[in-house]
């Protein structure tokens, strides 16, 4: 069964989360001290991480960034910090999803299941290319004349969807359905954050202006 690693300093909430997850068929692990969070996660090799932002002695966004540098494990930020800047920073640091407290158990489980499905889905083709950009789906690497760069899962899925529909406009709703299986649980701003992250990542290999925004309609390459 999938292993979910819980990073939450409030013991009652941590216990409640574990019970909710275990009733839904997941195994759980967690930490009770927070001086070596990333090391504990890497050692546990979980299938997904639930990460609070407010932690003693550190900040969840810093944990997220360090973990993303060492692992591609799916990360859901689960926090009572509900400002737009917290969500934007979390996604920029490498989180795959953002759920606010108080949370609905059903909605949380839906987020987890959707993210696990995306993480386990095998790409249909190994390599696709368009306008001088090559995307290796198996390795989640984009290559161009300026070199190559590793993409996050969301960056890879967005880019693959747009390349597979090159020459047409892909609506924001279609992209959100592809990323999160349903647009019902996703704030529209989350997609904008992911698109901007993808643009910034492609700029690292000299690819600029690759994604076109069509206001009120969607995106294209």
N, C-alpha and C. Protein backbone atom coordinates (compact mmCIF):
# COMPACT_ATOMS: atom_id res chain seq x y z
N UNK A 1 0.84 -1.19 0.00
CA UNK A 1 0.00 0.00 0.00
C UNK A 1 0.88 1.25 0.00
N UNK A 2 0.39 2.36 -0.56
CA UNK A 2 1.20 3.58 -0.63
C UNK A 2 1.53 4.11 0.77
N UNK A 3 2.76 4.60 0.92
CA UNK A 3 3.20 5.16 2.19
C UNK A 3 3.14 6.69 2.13
N UNK A 4 2.41 7.29 3.06
CA UNK A 4 2.27 8.74 3.14
C UNK A 4 3.07 9.23 4.35
N UNK A 5 3.99 10.16 4.12
CA UNK A 5 4.81 10.70 5.21
C UNK A 5 4.21 12.03 5.66
N UNK A 6 3.92 12.13 6.95
CA UNK A 6 3.26 13.31 7.51
C UNK A 6 4.28 14.19 8.23
N UNK A 7 4.38 15.44 7.82
CA UNK A 7 5.23 16.41 8.51
C UNK A 7 4.30 17.45 9.13
N UNK A 8 4.01 17.26 10.42
CA UNK A 8 3.03 18.09 11.14
C UNK A 8 3.44 18.13 12.61
N UNK A 9 3.66 19.35 13.16
CA UNK A 9 4.16 19.45 14.52
C UNK A 9 3.06 19.34 15.57
N UNK A 10 1.81 19.55 15.19
CA UNK A 10 0.69 19.43 16.13
C UNK A 10 0.32 17.96 16.27
N UNK A 11 0.62 17.38 17.44
CA UNK A 11 0.44 15.94 17.62
C UNK A 11 -0.99 15.47 17.40
N UNK A 12 -2.03 16.15 17.95
CA UNK A 12 -3.41 15.70 17.69
C UNK A 12 -3.76 15.71 16.21
N UNK A 13 -3.33 16.75 15.49
CA UNK A 13 -3.60 16.80 14.05
C UNK A 13 -2.85 15.69 13.34
N UNK A 14 -1.60 15.44 13.75
CA UNK A 14 -0.80 14.38 13.14
C UNK A 14 -1.47 13.02 13.34
N UNK A 15 -1.97 12.79 14.55
CA UNK A 15 -2.65 11.53 14.84
C UNK A 15 -3.92 11.39 14.03
N UNK A 16 -4.70 12.49 13.96
CA UNK A 16 -5.94 12.46 13.19
C UNK A 16 -5.67 12.18 11.71
N UNK A 17 -4.64 12.84 11.16
CA UNK A 17 -4.28 12.61 9.76
C UNK A 17 -3.93 11.14 9.52
N UNK A 18 -3.13 10.59 10.41
CA UNK A 18 -2.73 9.19 10.26
C UNK A 18 -3.95 8.28 10.27
N UNK A 19 -4.89 8.54 11.17
CA UNK A 19 -6.09 7.71 11.24
C UNK A 19 -6.93 7.83 9.97
N UNK A 20 -7.09 9.06 9.47
CA UNK A 20 -7.86 9.26 8.24
C UNK A 20 -7.21 8.51 7.08
N UNK A 21 -5.90 8.62 6.98
CA UNK A 21 -5.19 7.97 5.88
C UNK A 21 -5.24 6.45 5.98
N UNK A 22 -5.05 5.94 7.19
CA UNK A 22 -5.05 4.49 7.37
C UNK A 22 -6.43 3.89 7.13
N UNK A 23 -7.48 4.61 7.48
CA UNK A 23 -8.83 4.14 7.17
C UNK A 23 -9.08 4.11 5.66
N UNK A 24 -8.33 4.91 4.93
CA UNK A 24 -8.50 4.97 3.47
C UNK A 24 -7.53 4.05 2.75
N UNK A 25 -6.81 3.22 3.49
CA UNK A 25 -5.97 2.21 2.86
C UNK A 25 -4.52 2.59 2.65
N UNK A 26 -4.05 3.65 3.32
CA UNK A 26 -2.66 4.07 3.19
C UNK A 26 -1.87 3.66 4.43
N UNK A 27 -0.58 3.43 4.23
CA UNK A 27 0.34 3.32 5.35
C UNK A 27 0.87 4.71 5.65
N UNK A 28 1.26 4.96 6.91
CA UNK A 28 1.73 6.29 7.28
C UNK A 28 3.05 6.22 8.04
N UNK A 29 3.80 7.30 7.93
CA UNK A 29 5.00 7.53 8.74
C UNK A 29 5.03 9.01 9.03
N UNK A 30 5.76 9.38 10.08
CA UNK A 30 5.82 10.80 10.44
C UNK A 30 7.05 11.05 11.28
N UNK A 31 7.32 12.34 11.53
CA UNK A 31 8.42 12.72 12.40
C UNK A 31 7.86 13.50 13.59
N UNK A 32 8.50 13.38 14.74
CA UNK A 32 8.09 14.12 15.93
C UNK A 32 9.10 15.20 16.30
N UNK A 33 10.28 15.16 15.66
CA UNK A 33 11.26 16.23 15.79
C UNK A 33 11.54 16.77 14.39
N UNK A 34 12.06 18.01 14.31
CA UNK A 34 12.08 18.68 13.02
C UNK A 34 13.44 19.29 12.68
N UNK A 35 14.51 18.71 13.25
CA UNK A 35 15.85 19.21 12.95
C UNK A 35 16.47 18.50 11.75
N UNK A 36 15.85 17.41 11.30
CA UNK A 36 16.38 16.67 10.14
C UNK A 36 15.21 16.09 9.35
N UNK A 37 14.26 16.95 8.99
CA UNK A 37 13.03 16.49 8.35
C UNK A 37 13.32 15.84 7.00
N UNK A 38 14.11 16.49 6.18
CA UNK A 38 14.35 15.97 4.83
C UNK A 38 15.07 14.63 4.88
N UNK A 39 16.03 14.52 5.76
CA UNK A 39 16.75 13.24 5.90
C UNK A 39 15.79 12.12 6.28
N UNK A 40 14.85 12.42 7.17
CA UNK A 40 13.87 11.40 7.58
C UNK A 40 12.97 10.99 6.44
N UNK A 41 12.56 11.96 5.63
CA UNK A 41 11.69 11.65 4.49
C UNK A 41 12.44 10.80 3.47
N UNK A 42 13.65 11.22 3.14
CA UNK A 42 14.44 10.49 2.14
C UNK A 42 14.68 9.05 2.60
N UNK A 43 14.97 8.88 3.90
CA UNK A 43 15.23 7.54 4.43
C UNK A 43 13.98 6.67 4.39
N UNK A 44 12.80 7.27 4.61
CA UNK A 44 11.55 6.51 4.63
C UNK A 44 11.08 6.11 3.24
N UNK A 45 11.52 6.85 2.21
CA UNK A 45 11.14 6.59 0.82
C UNK A 45 9.62 6.49 0.65
N UNK A 46 8.89 7.51 1.06
CA UNK A 46 7.43 7.47 0.95
C UNK A 46 6.96 7.66 -0.49
N UNK A 47 5.68 7.39 -0.71
CA UNK A 47 5.08 7.62 -2.02
C UNK A 47 4.55 9.04 -2.15
N UNK A 48 4.32 9.71 -1.01
CA UNK A 48 3.81 11.08 -1.02
C UNK A 48 4.06 11.70 0.34
N UNK A 49 4.25 13.02 0.36
CA UNK A 49 4.50 13.75 1.60
C UNK A 49 3.39 14.78 1.82
N UNK A 50 2.85 14.80 3.04
CA UNK A 50 1.95 15.87 3.49
C UNK A 50 2.78 16.79 4.37
N UNK A 51 2.89 18.06 3.97
CA UNK A 51 3.84 18.96 4.61
C UNK A 51 3.15 20.21 5.16
N UNK A 52 3.24 20.40 6.49
CA UNK A 52 2.77 21.64 7.10
C UNK A 52 3.84 22.72 6.87
N UNK A 53 3.42 23.98 6.85
CA UNK A 53 4.38 25.07 6.64
C UNK A 53 4.95 25.60 7.94
N UNK A 54 4.14 25.64 9.01
CA UNK A 54 4.59 26.21 10.28
C UNK A 54 5.17 25.10 11.14
N UNK A 55 6.51 25.05 11.21
CA UNK A 55 7.20 23.99 11.92
C UNK A 55 8.18 24.61 12.91
N UNK A 56 8.44 23.94 14.03
CA UNK A 56 9.38 24.48 15.03
C UNK A 56 10.82 24.45 14.51
N UNK A 57 11.47 25.60 14.56
CA UNK A 57 12.88 25.66 14.18
C UNK A 57 13.15 25.73 12.70
N UNK A 58 12.12 25.64 11.87
CA UNK A 58 12.32 25.71 10.43
C UNK A 58 11.01 26.15 9.78
N UNK A 59 11.00 26.21 8.47
CA UNK A 59 9.79 26.59 7.75
C UNK A 59 9.51 25.53 6.69
N UNK A 60 8.23 25.20 6.52
CA UNK A 60 7.88 24.15 5.58
C UNK A 60 8.30 24.45 4.15
N UNK A 61 8.32 25.71 3.77
CA UNK A 61 8.73 26.04 2.41
C UNK A 61 10.21 25.74 2.18
N UNK A 62 11.04 25.96 3.20
CA UNK A 62 12.45 25.61 3.10
C UNK A 62 12.62 24.09 3.03
N UNK A 63 11.83 23.38 3.83
CA UNK A 63 11.85 21.91 3.77
C UNK A 63 11.45 21.44 2.37
N UNK A 64 10.42 22.08 1.82
CA UNK A 64 9.94 21.72 0.49
C UNK A 64 11.04 21.90 -0.55
N UNK A 65 11.72 23.03 -0.49
CA UNK A 65 12.78 23.30 -1.47
C UNK A 65 13.92 22.29 -1.35
N UNK A 66 14.35 22.02 -0.12
CA UNK A 66 15.45 21.08 0.06
C UNK A 66 15.05 19.66 -0.37
N UNK A 67 13.82 19.28 -0.03
CA UNK A 67 13.35 17.95 -0.42
C UNK A 67 13.27 17.82 -1.93
N UNK A 68 12.78 18.87 -2.60
CA UNK A 68 12.65 18.81 -4.05
C UNK A 68 14.02 18.70 -4.72
N UNK A 69 15.04 19.25 -4.09
CA UNK A 69 16.40 19.15 -4.64
C UNK A 69 16.94 17.73 -4.54
N UNK A 70 16.39 16.95 -3.60
CA UNK A 70 16.92 15.60 -3.36
C UNK A 70 15.98 14.49 -3.80
N UNK A 71 14.73 14.83 -4.09
CA UNK A 71 13.75 13.78 -4.41
C UNK A 71 12.64 14.36 -5.27
N UNK A 72 12.02 13.47 -6.08
CA UNK A 72 10.85 13.89 -6.87
C UNK A 72 9.56 13.37 -6.24
N UNK A 73 9.60 13.01 -4.95
CA UNK A 73 8.40 12.52 -4.27
C UNK A 73 7.31 13.58 -4.35
N UNK A 74 6.07 13.20 -4.63
CA UNK A 74 4.97 14.18 -4.64
C UNK A 74 4.79 14.83 -3.28
N UNK A 75 4.56 16.15 -3.29
CA UNK A 75 4.42 16.92 -2.05
C UNK A 75 3.09 17.68 -2.07
N UNK A 76 2.29 17.46 -1.03
CA UNK A 76 1.09 18.27 -0.82
C UNK A 76 1.30 19.12 0.41
N UNK A 77 1.27 20.43 0.26
CA UNK A 77 1.32 21.32 1.40
C UNK A 77 -0.07 21.35 2.04
N UNK A 78 -0.11 21.07 3.34
CA UNK A 78 -1.37 21.03 4.09
C UNK A 78 -1.22 22.00 5.26
N UNK A 79 -1.83 23.17 5.18
CA UNK A 79 -1.49 24.23 6.13
C UNK A 79 -2.67 25.14 6.43
N UNK A 80 -2.59 25.82 7.56
CA UNK A 80 -3.57 26.85 7.92
C UNK A 80 -3.16 28.21 7.40
N UNK A 81 -1.97 28.31 6.81
CA UNK A 81 -1.53 29.56 6.21
C UNK A 81 -2.15 29.66 4.81
N UNK A 82 -3.10 30.57 4.67
CA UNK A 82 -3.97 30.56 3.50
C UNK A 82 -3.78 31.76 2.59
N UNK A 83 -2.72 32.54 2.80
CA UNK A 83 -2.51 33.70 1.93
C UNK A 83 -2.05 33.24 0.56
N UNK A 84 -2.30 34.09 -0.42
CA UNK A 84 -1.89 33.78 -1.80
C UNK A 84 -0.38 33.63 -1.89
N UNK A 85 0.37 34.46 -1.15
CA UNK A 85 1.83 34.39 -1.23
C UNK A 85 2.33 33.05 -0.69
N UNK A 86 1.68 32.49 0.34
CA UNK A 86 2.08 31.18 0.85
C UNK A 86 1.89 30.10 -0.22
N UNK A 87 0.77 30.17 -0.92
CA UNK A 87 0.53 29.19 -1.97
C UNK A 87 1.53 29.34 -3.11
N UNK A 88 1.75 30.58 -3.53
CA UNK A 88 2.67 30.83 -4.63
C UNK A 88 4.08 30.37 -4.26
N UNK A 89 4.54 30.72 -3.06
CA UNK A 89 5.89 30.33 -2.64
C UNK A 89 6.02 28.82 -2.52
N UNK A 90 4.98 28.18 -2.01
CA UNK A 90 5.03 26.72 -1.87
C UNK A 90 5.16 26.05 -3.23
N UNK A 91 4.38 26.50 -4.21
CA UNK A 91 4.45 25.91 -5.54
C UNK A 91 5.80 26.22 -6.19
N UNK A 92 6.32 27.43 -5.93
CA UNK A 92 7.61 27.80 -6.47
C UNK A 92 8.72 26.94 -5.88
N UNK A 93 8.60 26.60 -4.61
CA UNK A 93 9.61 25.78 -3.94
C UNK A 93 9.54 24.32 -4.36
N UNK A 94 8.48 23.92 -5.07
CA UNK A 94 8.43 22.56 -5.58
C UNK A 94 7.25 21.73 -5.15
N UNK A 95 6.31 22.31 -4.40
CA UNK A 95 5.12 21.55 -4.01
C UNK A 95 4.27 21.23 -5.24
N UNK A 96 3.59 20.10 -5.20
CA UNK A 96 2.72 19.69 -6.30
C UNK A 96 1.28 20.12 -6.08
N UNK A 97 0.91 20.36 -4.82
CA UNK A 97 -0.48 20.70 -4.53
C UNK A 97 -0.51 21.46 -3.21
N UNK A 98 -1.63 22.14 -2.94
CA UNK A 98 -1.77 23.01 -1.77
C UNK A 98 -3.19 22.84 -1.24
N UNK A 99 -3.31 22.36 -0.01
CA UNK A 99 -4.62 22.16 0.63
C UNK A 99 -4.62 22.92 1.95
N UNK A 100 -5.70 23.66 2.20
CA UNK A 100 -5.74 24.48 3.41
C UNK A 100 -6.53 23.79 4.52
N UNK A 101 -6.16 24.12 5.75
CA UNK A 101 -6.89 23.68 6.94
C UNK A 101 -7.92 24.75 7.30
N UNK A 102 -9.06 24.36 7.87
CA UNK A 102 -9.48 22.97 8.09
C UNK A 102 -9.81 22.30 6.78
N UNK A 103 -9.49 21.03 6.67
CA UNK A 103 -9.66 20.31 5.42
C UNK A 103 -10.80 19.31 5.53
N UNK A 104 -11.40 19.01 4.40
CA UNK A 104 -12.36 17.92 4.31
C UNK A 104 -11.58 16.63 4.06
N UNK A 105 -11.85 15.61 4.85
CA UNK A 105 -11.13 14.34 4.68
C UNK A 105 -11.32 13.79 3.27
N UNK A 106 -12.53 13.89 2.75
CA UNK A 106 -12.80 13.36 1.41
C UNK A 106 -12.02 14.12 0.35
N UNK A 107 -11.99 15.45 0.48
CA UNK A 107 -11.26 16.25 -0.50
C UNK A 107 -9.76 15.96 -0.40
N UNK A 108 -9.22 15.86 0.82
CA UNK A 108 -7.80 15.55 0.99
C UNK A 108 -7.46 14.21 0.35
N UNK A 109 -8.26 13.19 0.61
CA UNK A 109 -8.01 11.87 0.02
C UNK A 109 -8.08 11.94 -1.50
N UNK A 110 -9.02 12.75 -2.02
CA UNK A 110 -9.12 12.91 -3.48
C UNK A 110 -7.85 13.53 -4.05
N UNK A 111 -7.31 14.54 -3.36
CA UNK A 111 -6.05 15.16 -3.80
C UNK A 111 -4.92 14.13 -3.78
N UNK A 112 -4.85 13.36 -2.72
CA UNK A 112 -3.78 12.36 -2.59
C UNK A 112 -3.88 11.32 -3.69
N UNK A 113 -5.07 10.77 -3.89
CA UNK A 113 -5.25 9.74 -4.91
C UNK A 113 -4.94 10.26 -6.30
N UNK A 114 -5.36 11.49 -6.59
CA UNK A 114 -5.08 12.07 -7.91
C UNK A 114 -3.59 12.25 -8.12
N UNK A 115 -2.90 12.73 -7.09
CA UNK A 115 -1.46 12.96 -7.23
C UNK A 115 -0.70 11.65 -7.35
N UNK A 116 -1.11 10.63 -6.62
CA UNK A 116 -0.47 9.31 -6.73
C UNK A 116 -0.70 8.70 -8.11
N UNK A 117 -1.90 8.90 -8.67
CA UNK A 117 -2.15 8.38 -10.03
C UNK A 117 -1.23 9.04 -11.04
N UNK A 118 -1.07 10.35 -10.90
CA UNK A 118 -0.20 11.06 -11.83
C UNK A 118 1.24 10.61 -11.70
N UNK A 119 1.65 10.38 -10.45
CA UNK A 119 3.04 9.99 -10.20
C UNK A 119 3.35 8.61 -10.75
N UNK A 120 2.36 7.73 -10.76
CA UNK A 120 2.60 6.35 -11.20
C UNK A 120 2.31 6.13 -12.67
N UNK A 121 1.69 7.11 -13.33
CA UNK A 121 1.33 6.93 -14.74
C UNK A 121 2.58 6.90 -15.61
N UNK A 122 2.69 5.90 -16.43
CA UNK A 122 3.83 5.80 -17.35
C UNK A 122 3.54 6.60 -18.61
N UNK A 123 4.50 7.33 -19.12
CA UNK A 123 4.28 8.08 -20.35
C UNK A 123 4.05 7.17 -21.54
N UNK A 124 3.19 7.60 -22.47
CA UNK A 124 2.88 6.79 -23.64
C UNK A 124 4.04 6.74 -24.62
N UNK A 125 4.79 7.84 -24.75
CA UNK A 125 5.94 7.89 -25.63
C UNK A 125 7.11 8.43 -24.84
N UNK A 126 8.33 7.99 -25.19
CA UNK A 126 9.49 8.39 -24.42
C UNK A 126 9.94 9.81 -24.72
N UNK A 127 9.94 10.19 -26.00
CA UNK A 127 10.48 11.49 -26.39
C UNK A 127 9.54 12.17 -27.38
N UNK A 128 9.22 13.44 -27.13
CA UNK A 128 8.45 14.24 -28.07
C UNK A 128 9.20 15.55 -28.28
N UNK A 129 8.99 16.20 -29.40
CA UNK A 129 9.72 17.42 -29.68
C UNK A 129 8.86 18.39 -30.48
N UNK A 130 9.22 19.68 -30.38
CA UNK A 130 8.50 20.73 -31.10
C UNK A 130 9.33 22.00 -31.06
N UNK A 131 9.53 22.61 -32.23
CA UNK A 131 10.23 23.89 -32.35
C UNK A 131 11.58 23.89 -31.64
N UNK A 132 12.36 22.84 -31.86
CA UNK A 132 13.70 22.78 -31.32
C UNK A 132 13.80 22.38 -29.87
N UNK A 133 12.68 22.11 -29.24
CA UNK A 133 12.67 21.66 -27.84
C UNK A 133 12.31 20.18 -27.80
N UNK A 134 13.11 19.40 -27.11
CA UNK A 134 12.88 17.96 -26.99
C UNK A 134 12.54 17.63 -25.54
N UNK A 135 11.49 16.86 -25.35
CA UNK A 135 11.03 16.49 -24.01
C UNK A 135 11.13 14.99 -23.83
N UNK A 136 11.98 14.57 -22.92
CA UNK A 136 12.14 13.16 -22.57
C UNK A 136 11.16 12.87 -21.43
N UNK A 137 10.09 12.16 -21.76
CA UNK A 137 9.04 11.91 -20.78
C UNK A 137 9.47 10.93 -19.69
N UNK A 138 10.31 9.98 -20.05
CA UNK A 138 10.74 8.98 -19.07
C UNK A 138 11.64 9.61 -18.00
N UNK A 139 12.47 10.57 -18.42
CA UNK A 139 13.40 11.21 -17.48
C UNK A 139 12.93 12.56 -16.99
N UNK A 140 11.82 13.08 -17.56
CA UNK A 140 11.30 14.40 -17.23
C UNK A 140 12.36 15.47 -17.44
N UNK A 141 12.98 15.43 -18.62
CA UNK A 141 14.05 16.36 -18.97
C UNK A 141 13.72 17.05 -20.28
N UNK A 142 13.86 18.38 -20.30
CA UNK A 142 13.69 19.17 -21.52
C UNK A 142 15.07 19.55 -22.05
N UNK A 143 15.25 19.43 -23.36
CA UNK A 143 16.54 19.73 -23.97
C UNK A 143 16.36 20.70 -25.13
N UNK A 144 17.34 21.59 -25.27
CA UNK A 144 17.37 22.53 -26.39
C UNK A 144 18.83 22.85 -26.66
N UNK A 145 19.08 23.78 -27.58
CA UNK A 145 20.45 24.12 -27.93
C UNK A 145 21.22 24.64 -26.72
N UNK A 146 20.50 25.24 -25.77
CA UNK A 146 21.15 25.79 -24.58
C UNK A 146 21.45 24.78 -23.50
N UNK A 147 21.16 23.51 -23.74
CA UNK A 147 21.42 22.47 -22.75
C UNK A 147 20.17 21.71 -22.37
N UNK A 148 20.16 21.16 -21.18
CA UNK A 148 18.99 20.42 -20.72
C UNK A 148 18.69 20.76 -19.27
N UNK A 149 17.42 20.57 -18.90
CA UNK A 149 17.00 20.90 -17.55
C UNK A 149 15.95 19.89 -17.11
N UNK A 150 16.00 19.52 -15.84
CA UNK A 150 15.02 18.59 -15.29
C UNK A 150 13.75 19.35 -14.92
N UNK A 151 12.61 18.76 -15.22
CA UNK A 151 11.31 19.38 -14.94
C UNK A 151 10.64 18.70 -13.76
N UNK A 152 9.82 19.45 -13.04
CA UNK A 152 8.96 18.82 -12.05
C UNK A 152 7.86 18.05 -12.77
N UNK A 153 7.14 17.23 -12.04
CA UNK A 153 6.06 16.45 -12.67
C UNK A 153 5.03 17.36 -13.32
N UNK A 154 4.63 18.42 -12.63
CA UNK A 154 3.63 19.32 -13.20
C UNK A 154 4.16 20.03 -14.44
N UNK A 155 5.41 20.49 -14.37
CA UNK A 155 6.01 21.15 -15.53
C UNK A 155 6.04 20.21 -16.73
N UNK A 156 6.42 18.97 -16.48
CA UNK A 156 6.50 17.99 -17.56
C UNK A 156 5.13 17.70 -18.16
N UNK A 157 4.12 17.56 -17.31
CA UNK A 157 2.80 17.24 -17.81
C UNK A 157 2.20 18.40 -18.61
N UNK A 158 2.41 19.62 -18.14
CA UNK A 158 1.91 20.78 -18.89
C UNK A 158 2.59 20.85 -20.25
N UNK A 159 3.92 20.74 -20.25
CA UNK A 159 4.66 20.86 -21.51
C UNK A 159 4.29 19.74 -22.47
N UNK A 160 4.15 18.51 -21.96
CA UNK A 160 3.79 17.39 -22.81
C UNK A 160 2.41 17.59 -23.43
N UNK A 161 1.47 18.07 -22.63
CA UNK A 161 0.11 18.30 -23.13
C UNK A 161 0.11 19.34 -24.24
N UNK A 162 0.86 20.44 -24.03
CA UNK A 162 0.89 21.50 -25.03
C UNK A 162 1.60 21.05 -26.31
N UNK A 163 2.70 20.31 -26.16
CA UNK A 163 3.40 19.82 -27.35
C UNK A 163 2.54 18.83 -28.12
N UNK A 164 1.85 17.96 -27.40
CA UNK A 164 0.99 16.98 -28.07
C UNK A 164 -0.19 17.63 -28.77
N UNK A 165 -0.48 18.90 -28.41
CA UNK A 165 -1.55 19.65 -29.07
C UNK A 165 -0.98 20.90 -29.73
N UNK A 166 0.25 20.79 -30.21
CA UNK A 166 0.93 21.93 -30.82
C UNK A 166 0.10 22.52 -31.97
N UNK A 167 0.04 23.83 -32.02
CA UNK A 167 -0.72 24.51 -33.06
C UNK A 167 -2.15 24.79 -32.69
N UNK A 168 -2.58 24.30 -31.52
CA UNK A 168 -3.93 24.56 -31.05
C UNK A 168 -3.86 25.16 -29.65
N UNK A 169 -4.92 25.83 -29.25
CA UNK A 169 -4.98 26.42 -27.91
C UNK A 169 -5.59 25.40 -26.95
N UNK A 170 -4.86 25.12 -25.89
CA UNK A 170 -5.36 24.20 -24.86
C UNK A 170 -5.94 25.05 -23.72
N UNK A 171 -7.19 24.84 -23.39
CA UNK A 171 -7.85 25.66 -22.38
C UNK A 171 -7.26 25.42 -21.00
N UNK A 172 -7.40 26.42 -20.13
CA UNK A 172 -6.95 26.28 -18.75
C UNK A 172 -7.67 25.12 -18.06
N UNK A 173 -8.97 24.97 -18.38
CA UNK A 173 -9.75 23.89 -17.76
C UNK A 173 -9.20 22.52 -18.17
N UNK A 174 -8.81 22.39 -19.44
CA UNK A 174 -8.27 21.11 -19.92
C UNK A 174 -6.95 20.80 -19.25
N UNK A 175 -6.12 21.82 -19.07
CA UNK A 175 -4.83 21.61 -18.40
C UNK A 175 -5.04 21.21 -16.96
N UNK A 176 -5.97 21.87 -16.27
CA UNK A 176 -6.23 21.54 -14.87
C UNK A 176 -6.79 20.13 -14.73
N UNK A 177 -7.64 19.72 -15.67
CA UNK A 177 -8.17 18.35 -15.61
C UNK A 177 -7.05 17.35 -15.81
N UNK A 178 -6.11 17.65 -16.70
CA UNK A 178 -5.00 16.74 -16.95
C UNK A 178 -4.07 16.67 -15.75
N UNK A 179 -3.85 17.81 -15.09
CA UNK A 179 -2.94 17.84 -13.95
C UNK A 179 -3.55 17.26 -12.69
N UNK A 180 -4.80 17.63 -12.41
CA UNK A 180 -5.40 17.29 -11.12
C UNK A 180 -6.64 16.43 -11.24
N UNK A 181 -6.89 15.87 -12.43
CA UNK A 181 -8.02 14.98 -12.69
C UNK A 181 -9.37 15.69 -12.62
N UNK A 182 -9.44 16.78 -11.88
CA UNK A 182 -10.66 17.57 -11.80
C UNK A 182 -10.28 18.99 -11.47
N UNK A 183 -10.96 19.97 -12.07
CA UNK A 183 -10.70 21.37 -11.74
C UNK A 183 -11.54 21.84 -10.56
N UNK A 184 -12.32 20.91 -9.96
CA UNK A 184 -13.24 21.31 -8.90
C UNK A 184 -12.52 21.69 -7.61
N UNK A 185 -11.33 21.10 -7.36
CA UNK A 185 -10.64 21.31 -6.10
C UNK A 185 -9.47 22.28 -6.23
N UNK A 186 -9.26 22.88 -7.41
CA UNK A 186 -8.03 23.61 -7.68
C UNK A 186 -8.32 25.09 -7.86
N UNK A 187 -7.57 25.92 -7.13
CA UNK A 187 -7.65 27.35 -7.32
C UNK A 187 -7.03 27.70 -8.66
N UNK A 188 -7.69 28.58 -9.41
CA UNK A 188 -7.23 28.93 -10.75
C UNK A 188 -5.82 29.49 -10.72
N UNK A 189 -5.46 30.18 -9.63
CA UNK A 189 -4.14 30.77 -9.53
C UNK A 189 -3.04 29.72 -9.50
N UNK A 190 -3.36 28.52 -9.02
CA UNK A 190 -2.36 27.46 -8.95
C UNK A 190 -1.83 27.10 -10.33
N UNK A 191 -2.70 27.08 -11.33
CA UNK A 191 -2.24 26.80 -12.69
C UNK A 191 -1.33 27.91 -13.18
N UNK A 192 -1.68 29.16 -12.91
CA UNK A 192 -0.83 30.29 -13.32
C UNK A 192 0.56 30.14 -12.72
N UNK A 193 0.63 29.76 -11.46
CA UNK A 193 1.92 29.56 -10.81
C UNK A 193 2.72 28.48 -11.53
N UNK A 194 2.07 27.37 -11.87
CA UNK A 194 2.76 26.28 -12.56
C UNK A 194 3.23 26.69 -13.95
N UNK A 195 2.43 27.45 -14.66
CA UNK A 195 2.83 27.93 -15.99
C UNK A 195 4.05 28.84 -15.87
N UNK A 196 4.03 29.75 -14.90
CA UNK A 196 5.17 30.65 -14.72
C UNK A 196 6.43 29.91 -14.33
N UNK A 197 6.27 28.88 -13.49
CA UNK A 197 7.43 28.06 -13.12
C UNK A 197 8.00 27.36 -14.34
N UNK A 198 7.14 26.87 -15.22
CA UNK A 198 7.60 26.20 -16.43
C UNK A 198 8.36 27.18 -17.32
N UNK A 199 7.83 28.37 -17.49
CA UNK A 199 8.52 29.38 -18.30
C UNK A 199 9.91 29.68 -17.73
N UNK A 200 9.98 29.86 -16.41
CA UNK A 200 11.27 30.14 -15.78
C UNK A 200 12.25 28.99 -15.95
N UNK A 201 11.75 27.77 -15.87
CA UNK A 201 12.62 26.61 -16.04
C UNK A 201 13.17 26.54 -17.46
N UNK A 202 12.32 26.78 -18.46
CA UNK A 202 12.77 26.73 -19.85
C UNK A 202 13.78 27.84 -20.15
N UNK A 203 13.64 28.97 -19.47
CA UNK A 203 14.59 30.07 -19.69
C UNK A 203 16.00 29.67 -19.27
N UNK A 204 16.13 28.69 -18.36
CA UNK A 204 17.45 28.24 -17.93
C UNK A 204 18.24 27.61 -19.07
N UNK A 205 17.55 27.12 -20.10
CA UNK A 205 18.24 26.54 -21.26
C UNK A 205 18.04 27.43 -22.50
N UNK A 206 17.75 28.70 -22.24
CA UNK A 206 17.66 29.66 -23.33
C UNK A 206 16.40 29.63 -24.14
N UNK A 207 15.37 28.95 -23.65
CA UNK A 207 14.10 28.86 -24.37
C UNK A 207 13.15 29.92 -23.82
N UNK A 208 12.94 30.99 -24.57
CA UNK A 208 12.07 32.08 -24.13
C UNK A 208 10.93 32.26 -25.13
N UNK A 209 9.79 32.70 -24.63
CA UNK A 209 8.64 32.94 -25.49
C UNK A 209 8.06 31.68 -26.10
N UNK A 210 8.35 30.52 -25.50
CA UNK A 210 7.91 29.25 -26.07
C UNK A 210 6.41 29.03 -25.83
N UNK A 211 5.95 29.39 -24.63
CA UNK A 211 4.53 29.24 -24.28
C UNK A 211 3.80 30.54 -24.58
N UNK A 212 2.72 30.46 -25.31
CA UNK A 212 1.91 31.63 -25.62
C UNK A 212 0.64 31.61 -24.77
N UNK A 213 0.32 32.77 -24.19
CA UNK A 213 -0.90 32.92 -23.41
C UNK A 213 -1.98 33.56 -24.27
N UNK A 214 -3.16 32.94 -24.28
CA UNK A 214 -4.30 33.48 -25.01
C UNK A 214 -5.35 33.83 -23.97
N UNK A 215 -5.47 35.12 -23.67
CA UNK A 215 -6.32 35.58 -22.57
C UNK A 215 -7.75 35.07 -22.72
N UNK A 216 -8.23 34.48 -21.65
CA UNK A 216 -9.59 33.97 -21.63
C UNK A 216 -9.77 32.67 -22.39
N UNK A 217 -8.69 32.14 -22.98
CA UNK A 217 -8.82 30.93 -23.79
C UNK A 217 -7.89 29.81 -23.31
N UNK A 218 -6.61 30.11 -23.08
CA UNK A 218 -5.70 29.08 -22.63
C UNK A 218 -4.28 29.34 -23.09
N UNK A 219 -3.55 28.26 -23.42
CA UNK A 219 -2.14 28.35 -23.76
C UNK A 219 -1.84 27.50 -24.99
N UNK A 220 -0.73 27.81 -25.65
CA UNK A 220 -0.31 27.04 -26.82
C UNK A 220 1.20 27.11 -26.96
N UNK A 221 1.77 26.21 -27.77
CA UNK A 221 3.18 26.26 -28.14
C UNK A 221 3.26 26.27 -29.65
